[in-house]
Amino acid sequence: MKLKINKLWIVILIVALNSIGFSIVIPILPFLLDSYLTSEKIVFGMGFLFSIYAICSFIAAPILGALSDKYGRKPILIISLLGSVLGYIFLGIGGALWVLFLGRIIDGLTAGNISVLFAYISDNTKYEERSKWYGYIGAAMGIGKIGGPTLGAFLSNISMALPFYLTALLLFISTLAVYFFLPESVSIEQKNQKLELNNLNPFKLLVNTLSIKSVKNLLIIGVLFYITITVFQFNMTLFLKDIYSLNTLYIGILLAIVGIIEILSRGILLPWLLKIYPQKRVTILGLIMLTLGFTGIVSSIYVYSLALISIAVVLIILGEGLFEPTYLTNLSEQTSENNQGKIQGVNQSLQSLINIAIPILASSIYFYSASLLYISAIAILIIALLFFNKKPRL
């Protein structure tokens, strides 16, 4: 039996609180490391902090997803959120570099909240409504990108630990919201099903999932998409600084605009387009807009234009907002309701792998040629478009 729609808005609220918390702390991590590392080593410290989280998330996300299929979304979501609370408290306490890494390890090993929330949406929506609700989740994430960095910068001037404690508090409030207001969505029949030990081996789980042809085809397209988005997220600030010599004020304004566009794209434009066009057409439109956006970035290297680079960024955010929710809906359709947590966990696990490898690879290509990096992203998106159109099931 499906839950009332108003319960799903609790999920959106939880995502918004998480996004605000995460966005608060990201800009101040370099300044936090300044107390433990010399200036030339901070960039490596940042890289290792992000990588250790991504490695732990790769291991944990599919396991937590599979456990949520067996034991329910609610207990796994509570465990995941409490792990993040503890992780950010350790970052706030600090005192030694190993404490910071311990915080990131704990957070990474319990990093299943997003995949479980996506599975929860899948449990409680019809297929034709799913893209809209996945879009709302993305819009809620965009909320944090608008005010979070500014709030984090303000709080860090009072105390470097304060933003981390506030993030822990927001995540704890999310935990309470889950415990008191979010009903369980996994049926008794599903909980009574046997849990295979293979589902607790992330590598075996990944291999088993990729053995399903329709799922493998979709995940390949998803991986291509996430590679290009990771390149954009990891490199864009550096690109604006190096190529356009922009200061932090302009970059901050552009990032705020990105957050606004993300909210409009996922929360308003996507539901409107889905009423008019088939889902496949909306997905293709998202990929086309992403390709045009990256093409605009390459053009802006040779034609200096703030208007051009701004339009390119907007196109990328619009394309991301149209593609990702419809992609996740297609992914959810390829497996039974008993395996929604597992499939979303595998998707998140693949994203973690991308977050480990792509920043390093992108840095190497960017060091050689900025245009080559973004031309590579265009080529990857074209491959995704061709691959998508080859698969009539999608």
Protein backbone atom coordinates (compact mmCIF):
# COMPACT_ATOMS: atom_id res chain seq x y z
CA MET A 1 0.00 0.00 0.00
CA LYS A 2 1.45 3.35 -1.06
CA LEU A 3 1.97 6.13 1.46
CA LYS A 4 0.18 9.43 1.30
CA ILE A 5 2.07 11.97 -0.77
CA ASN A 6 2.59 14.30 2.20
CA LYS A 7 4.89 11.68 3.75
CA LEU A 8 7.17 11.98 0.75
CA TRP A 9 7.65 15.66 1.50
CA ILE A 10 9.33 14.56 4.73
CA VAL A 11 11.93 12.84 2.54
CA ILE A 12 12.41 16.07 0.58
CA LEU A 13 12.84 18.00 3.87
CA ILE A 14 15.46 15.49 5.05
CA VAL A 15 17.40 15.85 1.79
CA ALA A 16 17.25 19.67 2.06
CA LEU A 17 18.60 19.60 5.63
CA ASN A 18 21.39 17.23 4.60
CA SER A 19 22.29 19.38 1.60
CA ILE A 20 22.47 22.55 3.68
CA GLY A 21 24.70 20.79 6.19
CA PHE A 22 27.07 19.36 3.58
CA SER A 23 27.28 22.68 1.71
CA ILE A 24 28.15 24.53 4.90
CA VAL A 25 31.34 22.58 5.50
CA ILE A 26 32.77 22.02 1.99
CA PRO A 27 34.22 25.56 1.50
CA ILE A 28 35.96 25.59 4.87
CA LEU A 29 37.73 22.22 4.69
CA PRO A 30 40.94 23.79 3.24
CA PHE A 31 41.04 26.23 6.15
CA LEU A 32 40.46 23.41 8.64
CA LEU A 33 43.45 21.53 7.23
CA ASP A 34 45.57 24.67 7.54
CA SER A 35 45.97 23.80 11.24
CA TYR A 36 47.44 20.39 10.46
CA LEU A 37 49.31 20.66 7.15
CA THR A 38 51.66 23.04 5.41
CA SER A 39 50.12 25.09 2.60
CA GLU A 40 51.67 22.97 -0.18
CA LYS A 41 50.26 19.77 1.36
CA ILE A 42 46.68 21.00 1.89
CA VAL A 43 45.62 20.04 -1.64
CA PHE A 44 46.81 16.48 -1.02
CA GLY A 45 45.08 16.40 2.36
CA MET A 46 41.83 17.48 0.71
CA GLY A 47 42.23 14.80 -1.93
CA PHE A 48 42.83 12.07 0.63
CA LEU A 49 39.88 13.19 2.78
CA PHE A 50 37.55 13.00 -0.21
CA SER A 51 39.08 9.75 -1.46
CA ILE A 52 38.84 7.92 1.88
CA TYR A 53 35.17 8.87 2.07
CA ALA A 54 34.57 7.70 -1.51
CA ILE A 55 36.36 4.38 -0.90
CA CYS A 56 34.33 3.68 2.25
CA SER A 57 31.12 4.71 0.48
CA PHE A 58 31.91 2.35 -2.43
CA ILE A 59 32.12 -0.52 0.04
CA ALA A 60 29.16 0.45 2.22
CA ALA A 61 26.49 1.88 -0.12
CA PRO A 62 25.43 -1.37 -1.86
CA ILE A 63 25.52 -3.28 1.43
CA LEU A 64 23.29 -0.72 3.15
CA GLY A 65 21.00 -0.73 0.12
CA ALA A 66 20.67 -4.53 0.25
CA LEU A 67 20.09 -4.43 4.02
CA SER A 68 17.34 -1.85 3.52
CA ASP A 69 15.60 -4.27 1.12
CA LYS A 70 15.61 -6.91 3.87
CA TYR A 71 15.20 -5.00 7.13
CA GLY A 72 13.46 -1.86 5.94
CA ARG A 73 14.40 1.64 4.80
CA LYS A 74 13.78 3.30 8.17
CA PRO A 75 16.37 1.53 10.40
CA ILE A 76 19.11 1.70 7.74
CA LEU A 77 18.37 5.38 7.12
CA ILE A 78 18.62 6.11 10.85
CA ILE A 79 21.96 4.26 11.09
CA SER A 80 23.28 6.13 8.04
CA LEU A 81 22.27 9.54 9.37
CA LEU A 82 23.66 8.86 12.86
CA GLY A 83 26.95 7.81 11.25
CA SER A 84 27.11 11.16 9.47
CA VAL A 85 26.32 12.95 12.74
CA LEU A 86 29.23 11.20 14.44
CA GLY A 87 31.52 11.83 11.47
CA TYR A 88 30.93 15.60 11.53
CA ILE A 89 31.31 15.75 15.31
CA PHE A 90 34.79 14.25 14.88
CA LEU A 91 35.60 16.89 12.26
CA GLY A 92 34.49 19.56 14.72
CA ILE A 93 36.52 18.09 17.59
CA GLY A 94 39.67 17.72 15.48
CA GLY A 95 42.90 18.04 17.43
CA ALA A 96 44.81 15.67 15.17
CA LEU A 97 44.78 14.73 11.49
CA TRP A 98 43.83 11.12 12.28
CA VAL A 99 40.66 12.35 14.00
CA LEU A 100 39.57 14.10 10.79
CA PHE A 101 40.18 10.93 8.79
CA LEU A 102 38.30 8.87 11.38
CA GLY A 103 35.34 11.20 10.94
CA ARG A 104 35.39 10.76 7.17
CA ILE A 105 35.75 6.96 7.48
CA ILE A 106 32.74 6.70 9.82
CA ASP A 107 30.69 8.94 7.53
CA GLY A 108 31.72 6.94 4.46
CA LEU A 109 30.99 3.54 6.00
CA THR A 110 27.44 4.66 6.81
CA ALA A 111 26.94 6.55 3.53
CA GLY A 112 23.71 4.97 2.38
CA ASN A 113 21.20 7.70 3.09
CA ILE A 114 20.80 8.99 -0.48
CA SER A 115 20.44 5.53 -2.07
CA VAL A 116 17.96 4.49 0.64
CA LEU A 117 15.97 7.69 0.18
CA PHE A 118 15.79 7.07 -3.58
CA ALA A 119 14.61 3.51 -2.84
CA TYR A 120 12.02 4.93 -0.44
CA ILE A 121 10.66 7.18 -3.17
CA SER A 122 10.55 4.19 -5.50
CA ASP A 123 8.61 2.17 -2.92
CA ASN A 124 5.91 4.79 -2.66
CA THR A 125 5.37 6.16 -6.15
CA LYS A 126 4.04 4.86 -9.41
CA TYR A 127 6.56 4.60 -12.23
CA GLU A 128 5.10 7.58 -14.12
CA GLU A 129 5.43 9.80 -11.01
CA ARG A 130 8.93 8.70 -10.02
CA SER A 131 10.98 11.08 -12.18
CA LYS A 132 9.09 14.04 -10.74
CA TRP A 133 9.89 13.01 -7.16
CA TYR A 134 13.51 12.23 -7.99
CA GLY A 135 13.60 15.73 -9.45
CA TYR A 136 12.25 17.16 -6.19
CA ILE A 137 15.12 15.44 -4.35
CA GLY A 138 17.59 17.14 -6.69
CA ALA A 139 15.84 20.47 -6.15
CA ALA A 140 16.14 20.00 -2.40
CA MET A 141 19.89 19.42 -2.86
CA GLY A 142 20.04 22.67 -4.81
CA ILE A 143 18.66 24.56 -1.80
CA GLY A 144 21.80 23.79 0.17
CA LYS A 145 24.06 25.05 -2.62
CA ILE A 146 22.58 28.56 -2.41
CA GLY A 147 22.99 29.53 1.22
CA GLY A 148 25.15 26.78 2.68
CA PRO A 149 28.60 28.03 1.61
CA THR A 150 27.83 31.60 2.75
CA LEU A 151 26.56 30.37 6.11
CA GLY A 152 29.63 28.16 6.51
CA ALA A 153 31.98 31.06 5.79
CA PHE A 154 30.16 33.25 8.33
CA LEU A 155 30.17 30.60 11.08
CA SER A 156 33.83 29.73 10.54
CA ASN A 157 34.74 33.31 11.41
CA ILE A 158 33.20 32.70 14.83
CA SER A 159 34.68 29.24 15.29
CA MET A 160 36.19 26.77 12.82
CA ALA A 161 34.40 23.93 14.60
CA LEU A 162 30.96 25.61 14.61
CA PRO A 163 29.95 24.74 10.99
CA PHE A 164 30.69 21.06 11.63
CA TYR A 165 28.64 21.00 14.82
CA LEU A 166 25.76 22.76 13.04
CA THR A 167 25.91 20.16 10.26
CA ALA A 168 25.81 17.39 12.88
CA LEU A 169 22.78 19.08 14.45
CA LEU A 170 20.93 19.32 11.11
CA LEU A 171 21.63 15.67 10.42
CA PHE A 172 20.42 14.73 13.92
CA ILE A 173 17.20 16.66 13.29
CA SER A 174 16.86 14.64 10.06
CA THR A 175 17.28 11.46 12.11
CA LEU A 176 14.50 12.52 14.49
CA ALA A 177 12.25 13.32 11.52
CA VAL A 178 12.82 9.81 10.15
CA TYR A 179 12.20 8.16 13.53
CA PHE A 180 9.02 10.04 14.45
CA PHE A 181 7.39 10.94 11.13
CA LEU A 182 8.56 8.60 8.35
CA PRO A 183 6.66 5.28 8.14
CA GLU A 184 8.37 2.12 6.97
CA SER A 185 7.82 1.40 3.27
CA VAL A 186 9.12 -2.19 3.00
CA SER A 187 6.38 -4.78 3.32
CA ILE A 188 6.37 -7.66 5.83
CA GLU A 189 6.52 -10.12 2.91
CA GLN A 190 9.67 -8.47 1.59
CA LYS A 191 11.32 -8.52 5.02
CA ASN A 192 10.62 -12.25 5.30
CA GLN A 193 12.62 -12.97 2.15
CA LYS A 194 16.02 -14.59 2.58
CA LEU A 195 19.06 -12.31 2.47
CA GLU A 196 21.83 -13.81 0.35
CA LEU A 197 25.36 -13.37 1.73
CA ASN A 198 26.48 -12.36 -1.78
CA ASN A 199 24.40 -9.21 -1.32
CA LEU A 200 26.78 -8.16 1.47
CA ASN A 201 29.86 -8.42 -0.75
CA PRO A 202 30.06 -5.11 -2.66
CA PHE A 203 32.23 -6.57 -5.44
CA LYS A 204 30.04 -9.65 -5.90
CA LEU A 205 26.94 -7.48 -5.73
CA LEU A 206 28.32 -5.20 -8.43
CA VAL A 207 29.17 -8.17 -10.69
CA ASN A 208 25.74 -9.75 -10.16
CA THR A 209 23.97 -6.48 -10.94
CA LEU A 210 26.00 -5.90 -14.10
CA SER A 211 25.10 -9.41 -15.27
CA ILE A 212 21.52 -8.16 -15.83
CA LYS A 213 21.75 -6.78 -19.36
CA SER A 214 19.09 -4.07 -19.09
CA VAL A 215 20.58 -2.83 -15.81
CA LYS A 216 24.14 -2.96 -17.19
CA ASN A 217 23.19 -0.89 -20.22
CA LEU A 218 21.61 1.78 -18.06
CA LEU A 219 24.48 1.82 -15.57
CA ILE A 220 26.96 2.32 -18.42
CA ILE A 221 25.02 5.40 -19.54
CA GLY A 222 24.84 6.57 -15.92
CA VAL A 223 28.60 6.14 -15.45
CA LEU A 224 29.28 8.20 -18.59
CA PHE A 225 26.99 10.93 -17.26
CA TYR A 226 28.51 10.95 -13.77
CA ILE A 227 32.05 11.11 -15.21
CA THR A 228 31.24 14.35 -17.04
CA ILE A 229 29.41 15.88 -14.08
CA THR A 230 32.31 15.00 -11.77
CA VAL A 231 34.71 16.72 -14.19
CA PHE A 232 32.50 19.81 -14.11
CA GLN A 233 32.07 19.88 -10.32
CA PHE A 234 35.71 19.18 -9.57
CA ASN A 235 37.30 21.47 -12.13
CA MET A 236 34.94 24.39 -12.81
CA THR A 237 36.06 26.68 -9.98
CA LEU A 238 39.70 26.18 -10.94
CA PHE A 239 38.80 26.78 -14.61
CA LEU A 240 37.11 30.10 -13.80
CA LYS A 241 40.10 31.17 -11.71
CA ASP A 242 42.76 30.17 -14.26
CA ILE A 243 41.12 30.97 -17.61
CA TYR A 244 38.96 33.95 -16.63
CA SER A 245 40.90 35.22 -13.59
CA LEU A 246 37.63 35.54 -11.66
CA ASN A 247 37.67 36.30 -7.97
CA THR A 248 35.80 34.48 -5.21
CA LEU A 249 32.92 36.99 -5.30
CA TYR A 250 31.99 36.27 -8.93
CA ILE A 251 32.51 32.54 -8.48
CA GLY A 252 30.32 32.64 -5.36
CA ILE A 253 27.57 34.47 -7.26
CA LEU A 254 27.79 31.95 -10.10
CA LEU A 255 27.55 29.04 -7.63
CA ALA A 256 24.46 30.61 -6.06
CA ILE A 257 22.92 30.92 -9.54
CA VAL A 258 23.76 27.25 -10.08
CA GLY A 259 21.76 26.36 -6.97
CA ILE A 260 18.78 28.42 -8.13
CA ILE A 261 18.87 26.90 -11.63
CA GLU A 262 19.06 23.42 -10.12
CA ILE A 263 15.93 24.06 -8.06
CA LEU A 264 14.04 25.45 -11.07
CA SER A 265 15.25 22.67 -13.36
CA ARG A 266 14.31 19.74 -11.13
CA GLY A 267 11.41 21.22 -9.21
CA ILE A 268 9.53 23.09 -11.96
CA LEU A 269 10.88 22.48 -15.48
CA LEU A 270 11.17 18.68 -15.21
CA PRO A 271 7.59 18.03 -13.93
CA TRP A 272 6.24 20.40 -16.62
CA LEU A 273 8.14 18.69 -19.44
CA LEU A 274 7.06 15.23 -18.25
CA LYS A 275 3.44 16.29 -18.66
CA ILE A 276 4.09 17.19 -22.30
CA TYR A 277 6.72 14.76 -23.59
CA PRO A 278 7.57 11.07 -23.09
CA GLN A 279 10.22 10.42 -20.46
CA LYS A 280 12.75 9.15 -23.02
CA ARG A 281 12.57 12.45 -24.92
CA VAL A 282 13.19 14.41 -21.72
CA THR A 283 16.20 12.22 -20.94
CA ILE A 284 17.64 12.82 -24.41
CA LEU A 285 17.02 16.55 -24.06
CA GLY A 286 19.03 16.49 -20.83
CA LEU A 287 21.99 14.83 -22.56
CA ILE A 288 21.81 17.30 -25.46
CA MET A 289 21.81 20.29 -23.09
CA LEU A 290 24.80 18.86 -21.24
CA THR A 291 26.66 18.42 -24.55
CA LEU A 292 25.87 21.99 -25.59
CA GLY A 293 26.97 23.28 -22.19
CA PHE A 294 30.36 21.57 -22.37
CA THR A 295 30.72 22.78 -25.96
CA GLY A 296 30.13 26.31 -24.64
CA ILE A 297 32.91 25.86 -22.09
CA VAL A 298 35.36 24.79 -24.81
CA SER A 299 34.31 27.76 -26.97
CA SER A 300 34.78 30.14 -24.05
CA ILE A 301 38.46 29.18 -23.89
CA TYR A 302 39.00 30.69 -27.33
CA VAL A 303 36.29 33.39 -27.28
CA TYR A 304 36.59 35.31 -24.01
CA SER A 305 33.02 35.96 -22.92
CA LEU A 306 31.53 35.95 -19.42
CA ALA A 307 28.08 35.67 -21.00
CA LEU A 308 29.13 32.55 -22.94
CA ILE A 309 30.63 30.78 -19.93
CA SER A 310 27.59 31.68 -17.81
CA ILE A 311 25.18 30.28 -20.43
CA ALA A 312 27.31 27.13 -20.68
CA VAL A 313 27.11 26.57 -16.92
CA VAL A 314 23.33 27.12 -16.93
CA LEU A 315 22.90 24.60 -19.78
CA ILE A 316 24.92 22.00 -17.87
CA ILE A 317 22.83 22.43 -14.71
CA LEU A 318 19.59 22.29 -16.72
CA GLY A 319 20.77 19.18 -18.54
CA GLU A 320 21.81 17.50 -15.32
CA GLY A 321 18.43 18.31 -13.78
CA LEU A 322 16.54 16.72 -16.67
CA PHE A 323 18.74 13.67 -17.14
CA GLU A 324 19.48 12.35 -13.65
CA PRO A 325 15.90 11.97 -12.29
CA THR A 326 14.67 10.27 -15.47
CA TYR A 327 17.77 8.04 -15.51
CA LEU A 328 17.11 6.95 -11.91
CA THR A 329 13.48 6.23 -12.79
CA ASN A 330 14.55 4.04 -15.71
CA LEU A 331 17.00 2.28 -13.39
CA SER A 332 14.31 1.59 -10.79
CA GLU A 333 12.10 0.05 -13.48
CA GLN A 334 14.73 -2.56 -14.38
CA THR A 335 14.40 -4.46 -11.08
CA SER A 336 11.70 -5.63 -8.71
CA GLU A 337 10.46 -3.73 -5.67
CA ASN A 338 12.40 -6.23 -3.53
CA ASN A 339 15.71 -4.96 -4.96
CA GLN A 340 15.26 -1.17 -5.12
CA GLY A 341 17.71 -0.54 -2.27
CA LYS A 342 20.30 -2.81 -3.84
CA ILE A 343 20.13 -1.24 -7.29
CA GLN A 344 20.29 2.32 -5.91
CA GLY A 345 23.18 1.27 -3.66
CA VAL A 346 25.12 -0.10 -6.64
CA ASN A 347 24.51 3.16 -8.51
CA GLN A 348 25.83 5.15 -5.56
CA SER A 349 28.79 2.77 -5.27
CA LEU A 350 29.73 3.40 -8.91
CA GLN A 351 29.54 7.14 -8.26
CA SER A 352 31.98 6.64 -5.38
CA LEU A 353 34.41 4.88 -7.73
CA ILE A 354 34.12 7.80 -10.14
CA ASN A 355 34.78 10.24 -7.30
CA ILE A 356 37.98 8.36 -6.48
CA ALA A 357 39.43 8.12 -9.97
CA ILE A 358 38.11 11.02 -12.06
CA PRO A 359 39.45 13.99 -10.03
CA ILE A 360 42.97 12.58 -10.33
CA LEU A 361 42.61 11.85 -14.05
CA ALA A 362 40.90 15.18 -14.72
CA SER A 363 43.68 17.05 -12.92
CA SER A 364 46.30 15.38 -15.12
CA ILE A 365 44.43 16.20 -18.36
CA TYR A 366 43.67 19.77 -17.21
CA PHE A 367 47.35 20.33 -16.37
CA TYR A 368 48.17 19.40 -19.98
CA SER A 369 45.23 21.17 -21.65
CA ALA A 370 41.98 22.64 -20.33
CA SER A 371 40.30 22.37 -23.71
CA LEU A 372 41.26 18.68 -24.02
CA LEU A 373 39.55 17.94 -20.69
CA TYR A 374 36.23 19.44 -21.79
CA ILE A 375 36.47 18.06 -25.33
CA SER A 376 36.83 14.63 -23.68
CA ALA A 377 33.66 15.32 -21.71
CA ILE A 378 31.82 16.21 -24.94
CA ALA A 379 32.99 12.94 -26.55
CA ILE A 380 31.77 10.95 -23.52
CA LEU A 381 28.34 12.61 -23.68
CA ILE A 382 28.04 11.88 -27.41
CA ILE A 383 28.82 8.23 -26.68
CA ALA A 384 26.11 8.25 -23.99
CA LEU A 385 23.62 9.72 -26.47
CA LEU A 386 24.43 7.13 -29.12
CA PHE A 387 24.31 4.31 -26.59
CA PHE A 388 20.99 5.55 -25.20
CA ASN A 389 19.35 5.67 -28.62
CA LYS A 390 20.53 2.13 -29.38
CA LYS A 391 18.50 0.77 -26.48
CA PRO A 392 14.77 0.74 -27.24
CA ARG A 393 13.97 -0.52 -23.72
CA LEU A 394 15.00 2.80 -22.24
